[in-house]
Amino acid sequence: MDKDQVKGAAKEVKGGVKEAFGKATDNPKTEAEGKVEKNVGTAQRKVGDAKEAVRDAVKSK
């Protein structure tokens, strides 16, 4: 497991919580910040997935 996968997953969770809090408190700014953070986390996790796939491909050669 790559560190970007772990950090990305953590950001996804944190962003999801922030988004839900923004919805619950009717705060569109917090909700939008949560969505952005969640998307950044998703991108970071996917980078980690790609790095791991490359690493695995190199190992299997």
PDB file of N, CA and C in Angstrom:
ATOM      1  N   MET A   1       0.854  -1.176   0.000  1.00  0.00           N
ATOM      2  CA  MET A   1       0.000   0.000   0.000  1.00  0.00           C
ATOM      3  C   MET A   1       0.895   1.232   0.000  1.00  0.00           C
ATOM      4  N   ASP A   2       0.586   2.155  -0.875  1.00  0.00           N
ATOM      5  CA  ASP A   2       1.367   3.376  -1.044  1.00  0.00           C
ATOM      6  C   ASP A   2       0.896   4.447  -0.071  1.00  0.00           C
ATOM      7  N   LYS A   3       1.800   5.323   0.328  1.00  0.00           N
ATOM      8  CA  LYS A   3       1.432   6.379   1.284  1.00  0.00           C
ATOM      9  C   LYS A   3       0.380   7.326   0.693  1.00  0.00           C
ATOM     10  N   ASP A   4       0.404   7.520  -0.623  1.00  0.00           N
ATOM     11  CA  ASP A   4      -0.608   8.373  -1.244  1.00  0.00           C
ATOM     12  C   ASP A   4      -1.997   7.741  -1.152  1.00  0.00           C
ATOM     13  N   GLN A   5      -2.055   6.428  -1.188  1.00  0.00           N
ATOM     14  CA  GLN A   5      -3.343   5.747  -1.043  1.00  0.00           C
ATOM     15  C   GLN A   5      -3.926   6.006   0.346  1.00  0.00           C
ATOM     16  N   VAL A   6      -3.083   5.915   1.352  1.00  0.00           N
ATOM     17  CA  VAL A   6      -3.532   6.113   2.726  1.00  0.00           C
ATOM     18  C   VAL A   6      -3.933   7.569   2.964  1.00  0.00           C
ATOM     19  N   LYS A   7      -3.068   8.490   2.547  1.00  0.00           N
ATOM     20  CA  LYS A   7      -3.367   9.914   2.741  1.00  0.00           C
ATOM     21  C   LYS A   7      -4.612  10.326   1.949  1.00  0.00           C
ATOM     22  N   GLY A   8      -4.743   9.786   0.741  1.00  0.00           N
ATOM     23  CA  GLY A   8      -5.905  10.105  -0.081  1.00  0.00           C
ATOM     24  C   GLY A   8      -7.195   9.606   0.535  1.00  0.00           C
ATOM     25  N   ALA A   9      -7.159   8.388   1.051  1.00  0.00           N
ATOM     26  CA  ALA A   9      -8.352   7.833   1.690  1.00  0.00           C
ATOM     27  C   ALA A   9      -8.735   8.656   2.923  1.00  0.00           C
ATOM     28  N   ALA A  10      -7.734   9.100   3.667  1.00  0.00           N
ATOM     29  CA  ALA A  10      -8.013   9.927   4.854  1.00  0.00           C
ATOM     30  C   ALA A  10      -8.650  11.250   4.452  1.00  0.00           C
ATOM     31  N   LYS A  11      -8.154  11.852   3.371  1.00  0.00           N
ATOM     32  CA  LYS A  11      -8.735  13.116   2.898  1.00  0.00           C
ATOM     33  C   LYS A  11     -10.165  12.912   2.400  1.00  0.00           C
ATOM     34  N   GLU A  12     -10.404  11.766   1.763  1.00  0.00           N
ATOM     35  CA  GLU A  12     -11.760  11.470   1.298  1.00  0.00           C
ATOM     36  C   GLU A  12     -12.728  11.412   2.479  1.00  0.00           C
ATOM     37  N   VAL A  13     -12.317  10.738   3.532  1.00  0.00           N
ATOM     38  CA  VAL A  13     -13.174  10.616   4.713  1.00  0.00           C
ATOM     39  C   VAL A  13     -13.382  11.978   5.360  1.00  0.00           C
ATOM     40  N   LYS A  14     -12.295  12.709   5.541  1.00  0.00           N
ATOM     41  CA  LYS A  14     -12.375  14.035   6.164  1.00  0.00           C
ATOM     42  C   LYS A  14     -13.266  14.967   5.331  1.00  0.00           C
ATOM     43  N   GLY A  15     -13.109  14.912   4.017  1.00  0.00           N
ATOM     44  CA  GLY A  15     -13.934  15.737   3.141  1.00  0.00           C
ATOM     45  C   GLY A  15     -15.401  15.348   3.205  1.00  0.00           C
ATOM     46  N   GLY A  16     -15.663  14.054   3.285  1.00  0.00           N
ATOM     47  CA  GLY A  16     -17.042  13.580   3.389  1.00  0.00           C
ATOM     48  C   GLY A  16     -17.704  14.048   4.670  1.00  0.00           C
ATOM     49  N   VAL A  17     -16.944  14.016   5.759  1.00  0.00           N
ATOM     50  CA  VAL A  17     -17.475  14.486   7.039  1.00  0.00           C
ATOM     51  C   VAL A  17     -17.745  15.988   6.972  1.00  0.00           C
ATOM     52  N   LYS A  18     -16.795  16.712   6.400  1.00  0.00           N
ATOM     53  CA  LYS A  18     -16.950  18.169   6.297  1.00  0.00           C
ATOM     54  C   LYS A  18     -18.145  18.526   5.403  1.00  0.00           C
ATOM     55  N   GLU A  19     -18.303  17.790   4.312  1.00  0.00           N
ATOM     56  CA  GLU A  19     -19.434  18.007   3.410  1.00  0.00           C
ATOM     57  C   GLU A  19     -20.756  17.747   4.133  1.00  0.00           C
ATOM     58  N   ALA A  20     -20.827  16.641   4.860  1.00  0.00           N
ATOM     59  CA  ALA A  20     -22.050  16.310   5.598  1.00  0.00           C
ATOM     60  C   ALA A  20     -22.344  17.355   6.668  1.00  0.00           C
ATOM     61  N   PHE A  21     -21.303  17.832   7.338  1.00  0.00           N
ATOM     62  CA  PHE A  21     -21.483  18.867   8.351  1.00  0.00           C
ATOM     63  C   PHE A  21     -22.018  20.145   7.713  1.00  0.00           C
ATOM     64  N   GLY A  22     -21.487  20.490   6.544  1.00  0.00           N
ATOM     65  CA  GLY A  22     -21.970  21.673   5.826  1.00  0.00           C
ATOM     66  C   GLY A  22     -23.433  21.551   5.438  1.00  0.00           C
ATOM     67  N   LYS A  23     -23.832  20.359   5.006  1.00  0.00           N
ATOM     68  CA  LYS A  23     -25.236  20.129   4.661  1.00  0.00           C
ATOM     69  C   LYS A  23     -26.117  20.224   5.905  1.00  0.00           C
ATOM     70  N   ALA A  24     -25.655  19.607   6.990  1.00  0.00           N
ATOM     71  CA  ALA A  24     -26.454  19.572   8.222  1.00  0.00           C
ATOM     72  C   ALA A  24     -26.629  20.959   8.827  1.00  0.00           C
ATOM     73  N   THR A  25     -25.618  21.790   8.681  1.00  0.00           N
ATOM     74  CA  THR A  25     -25.682  23.141   9.268  1.00  0.00           C
ATOM     75  C   THR A  25     -26.122  24.182   8.248  1.00  0.00           C
ATOM     76  N   ASP A  26     -26.483  23.725   7.056  1.00  0.00           N
ATOM     77  CA  ASP A  26     -26.908  24.612   5.971  1.00  0.00           C
ATOM     78  C   ASP A  26     -25.843  25.677   5.693  1.00  0.00           C
ATOM     79  N   ASN A  27     -24.591  25.204   5.612  1.00  0.00           N
ATOM     80  CA  ASN A  27     -23.463  26.090   5.346  1.00  0.00           C
ATOM     81  C   ASN A  27     -22.850  25.695   4.000  1.00  0.00           C
ATOM     82  N   PRO A  28     -23.215  26.400   2.922  1.00  0.00           N
ATOM     83  CA  PRO A  28     -22.742  26.003   1.594  1.00  0.00           C
ATOM     84  C   PRO A  28     -21.217  26.088   1.435  1.00  0.00           C
ATOM     85  N   LYS A  29     -20.573  27.014   2.141  1.00  0.00           N
ATOM     86  CA  LYS A  29     -19.111  27.146   2.033  1.00  0.00           C
ATOM     87  C   LYS A  29     -18.428  25.895   2.589  1.00  0.00           C
ATOM     88  N   THR A  30     -18.835  25.454   3.765  1.00  0.00           N
ATOM     89  CA  THR A  30     -18.252  24.255   4.374  1.00  0.00           C
ATOM     90  C   THR A  30     -18.556  23.027   3.524  1.00  0.00           C
ATOM     91  N   GLU A  31     -19.758  22.961   2.998  1.00  0.00           N
ATOM     92  CA  GLU A  31     -20.144  21.839   2.141  1.00  0.00           C
ATOM     93  C   GLU A  31     -19.250  21.795   0.895  1.00  0.00           C
ATOM     94  N   ALA A  32     -19.026  22.947   0.276  1.00  0.00           N
ATOM     95  CA  ALA A  32     -18.180  23.014  -0.922  1.00  0.00           C
ATOM     96  C   ALA A  32     -16.732  22.654  -0.596  1.00  0.00           C
ATOM     97  N   GLU A  33     -16.238  23.140   0.544  1.00  0.00           N
ATOM     98  CA  GLU A  33     -14.872  22.800   0.959  1.00  0.00           C
ATOM     99  C   GLU A  33     -14.737  21.291   1.160  1.00  0.00           C
ATOM    100  N   GLY A  34     -15.759  20.683   1.725  1.00  0.00           N
ATOM    101  CA  GLY A  34     -15.746  19.243   1.927  1.00  0.00           C
ATOM    102  C   GLY A  34     -15.718  18.488   0.612  1.00  0.00           C
ATOM    103  N   LYS A  35     -16.502  18.944  -0.356  1.00  0.00           N
ATOM    104  CA  LYS A  35     -16.518  18.292  -1.664  1.00  0.00           C
ATOM    105  C   LYS A  35     -15.149  18.391  -2.329  1.00  0.00           C
ATOM    106  N   VAL A  36     -14.540  19.575  -2.229  1.00  0.00           N
ATOM    107  CA  VAL A  36     -13.219  19.770  -2.833  1.00  0.00           C
ATOM    108  C   VAL A  36     -12.199  18.852  -2.162  1.00  0.00           C
ATOM    109  N   GLU A  37     -12.207  18.818  -0.844  1.00  0.00           N
ATOM    110  CA  GLU A  37     -11.255  17.981  -0.115  1.00  0.00           C
ATOM    111  C   GLU A  37     -11.446  16.501  -0.442  1.00  0.00           C
ATOM    112  N   LYS A  38     -12.697  16.109  -0.572  1.00  0.00           N
ATOM    113  CA  LYS A  38     -13.011  14.721  -0.920  1.00  0.00           C
ATOM    114  C   LYS A  38     -12.464  14.388  -2.317  1.00  0.00           C
ATOM    115  N   ASN A  39     -12.637  15.301  -3.263  1.00  0.00           N
ATOM    116  CA  ASN A  39     -12.142  15.080  -4.622  1.00  0.00           C
ATOM    117  C   ASN A  39     -10.613  15.069  -4.671  1.00  0.00           C
ATOM    118  N   VAL A  40      -9.983  15.928  -3.890  1.00  0.00           N
ATOM    119  CA  VAL A  40      -8.518  15.929  -3.812  1.00  0.00           C
ATOM    120  C   VAL A  40      -8.039  14.590  -3.252  1.00  0.00           C
ATOM    121  N   GLY A  41      -8.721  14.106  -2.244  1.00  0.00           N
ATOM    122  CA  GLY A  41      -8.370  12.807  -1.667  1.00  0.00           C
ATOM    123  C   GLY A  41      -8.529  11.674  -2.663  1.00  0.00           C
ATOM    124  N   THR A  42      -9.588  11.720  -3.438  1.00  0.00           N
ATOM    125  CA  THR A  42      -9.812  10.695  -4.461  1.00  0.00           C
ATOM    126  C   THR A  42      -8.680  10.708  -5.481  1.00  0.00           C
ATOM    127  N   ALA A  43      -8.297  11.897  -5.920  1.00  0.00           N
ATOM    128  CA  ALA A  43      -7.206  12.019  -6.890  1.00  0.00           C
ATOM    129  C   ALA A  43      -5.896  11.498  -6.295  1.00  0.00           C
ATOM    130  N   GLN A  44      -5.619  11.858  -5.061  1.00  0.00           N
ATOM    131  CA  GLN A  44      -4.381  11.415  -4.415  1.00  0.00           C
ATOM    132  C   GLN A  44      -4.365   9.896  -4.251  1.00  0.00           C
ATOM    133  N   ARG A  45      -5.499   9.329  -3.894  1.00  0.00           N
ATOM    134  CA  ARG A  45      -5.588   7.871  -3.757  1.00  0.00           C
ATOM    135  C   ARG A  45      -5.346   7.187  -5.089  1.00  0.00           C
ATOM    136  N   LYS A  46      -5.891   7.754  -6.170  1.00  0.00           N
ATOM    137  CA  LYS A  46      -5.708   7.169  -7.501  1.00  0.00           C
ATOM    138  C   LYS A  46      -4.252   7.263  -7.953  1.00  0.00           C
ATOM    139  N   VAL A  47      -3.571   8.344  -7.569  1.00  0.00           N
ATOM    140  CA  VAL A  47      -2.140   8.453  -7.857  1.00  0.00           C
ATOM    141  C   VAL A  47      -1.401   7.326  -7.143  1.00  0.00           C
ATOM    142  N   GLY A  48      -1.756   7.095  -5.903  1.00  0.00           N
ATOM    143  CA  GLY A  48      -1.147   5.994  -5.159  1.00  0.00           C
ATOM    144  C   GLY A  48      -1.433   4.642  -5.791  1.00  0.00           C
ATOM    145  N   ASP A  49      -2.659   4.465  -6.282  1.00  0.00           N
ATOM    146  CA  ASP A  49      -3.013   3.214  -6.959  1.00  0.00           C
ATOM    147  C   ASP A  49      -2.134   3.015  -8.199  1.00  0.00           C
ATOM    148  N   ALA A  50      -1.948   4.091  -8.959  1.00  0.00           N
ATOM    149  CA  ALA A  50      -1.136   4.018 -10.178  1.00  0.00           C
ATOM    150  C   ALA A  50       0.321   3.715  -9.837  1.00  0.00           C
ATOM    151  N   LYS A  51       0.841   4.370  -8.816  1.00  0.00           N
ATOM    152  CA  LYS A  51       2.227   4.122  -8.409  1.00  0.00           C
ATOM    153  C   LYS A  51       2.414   2.665  -7.994  1.00  0.00           C
ATOM    154  N   GLU A  52       1.443   2.136  -7.269  1.00  0.00           N
ATOM    155  CA  GLU A  52       1.523   0.750  -6.829  1.00  0.00           C
ATOM    156  C   GLU A  52       1.436  -0.207  -8.021  1.00  0.00           C
ATOM    157  N   ALA A  53       0.596   0.113  -8.995  1.00  0.00           N
ATOM    158  CA  ALA A  53       0.469  -0.732 -10.180  1.00  0.00           C
ATOM    159  C   ALA A  53       1.777  -0.761 -10.968  1.00  0.00           C
ATOM    160  N   VAL A  54       2.419   0.385 -11.089  1.00  0.00           N
ATOM    161  CA  VAL A  54       3.700   0.452 -11.783  1.00  0.00           C
ATOM    162  C   VAL A  54       4.749  -0.351 -11.019  1.00  0.00           C
ATOM    163  N   ARG A  55       4.770  -0.175  -9.706  1.00  0.00           N
ATOM    164  CA  ARG A  55       5.721  -0.898  -8.869  1.00  0.00           C
ATOM    165  C   ARG A  55       5.524  -2.419  -9.021  1.00  0.00           C
ATOM    166  N   ASP A  56       4.257  -2.849  -9.016  1.00  0.00           N
ATOM    167  CA  ASP A  56       3.966  -4.276  -9.161  1.00  0.00           C
ATOM    168  C   ASP A  56       4.366  -4.791 -10.539  1.00  0.00           C
ATOM    169  N   ALA A  57       4.148  -3.966 -11.565  1.00  0.00           N
ATOM    170  CA  ALA A  57       4.508  -4.371 -12.925  1.00  0.00           C
ATOM    171  C   ALA A  57       6.009  -4.511 -13.069  1.00  0.00           C
ATOM    172  N   VAL A  58       6.753  -3.626 -12.449  1.00  0.00           N
ATOM    173  CA  VAL A  58       8.212  -3.684 -12.524  1.00  0.00           C
ATOM    174  C   VAL A  58       8.728  -4.915 -11.765  1.00  0.00           C
ATOM    175  N   LYS A  59       8.109  -5.216 -10.632  1.00  0.00           N
ATOM    176  CA  LYS A  59       8.532  -6.382  -9.844  1.00  0.00           C
ATOM    177  C   LYS A  59       8.283  -7.698 -10.581  1.00  0.00           C
ATOM    178  N   SER A  60       7.218  -7.758 -11.352  1.00  0.00           N
ATOM    179  CA  SER A  60       6.863  -9.026 -11.993  1.00  0.00           C
ATOM    180  C   SER A  60       7.649  -9.282 -13.281  1.00  0.00           C
ATOM    181  N   LYS A  61       8.505  -8.355 -13.670  1.00  0.00           N
ATOM    182  CA  LYS A  61       9.312  -8.555 -14.910  1.00  0.00           C
ATOM    183  C   LYS A  61      10.550  -9.314 -14.597  1.00  0.00           C
TER     184      LYS A  61
END
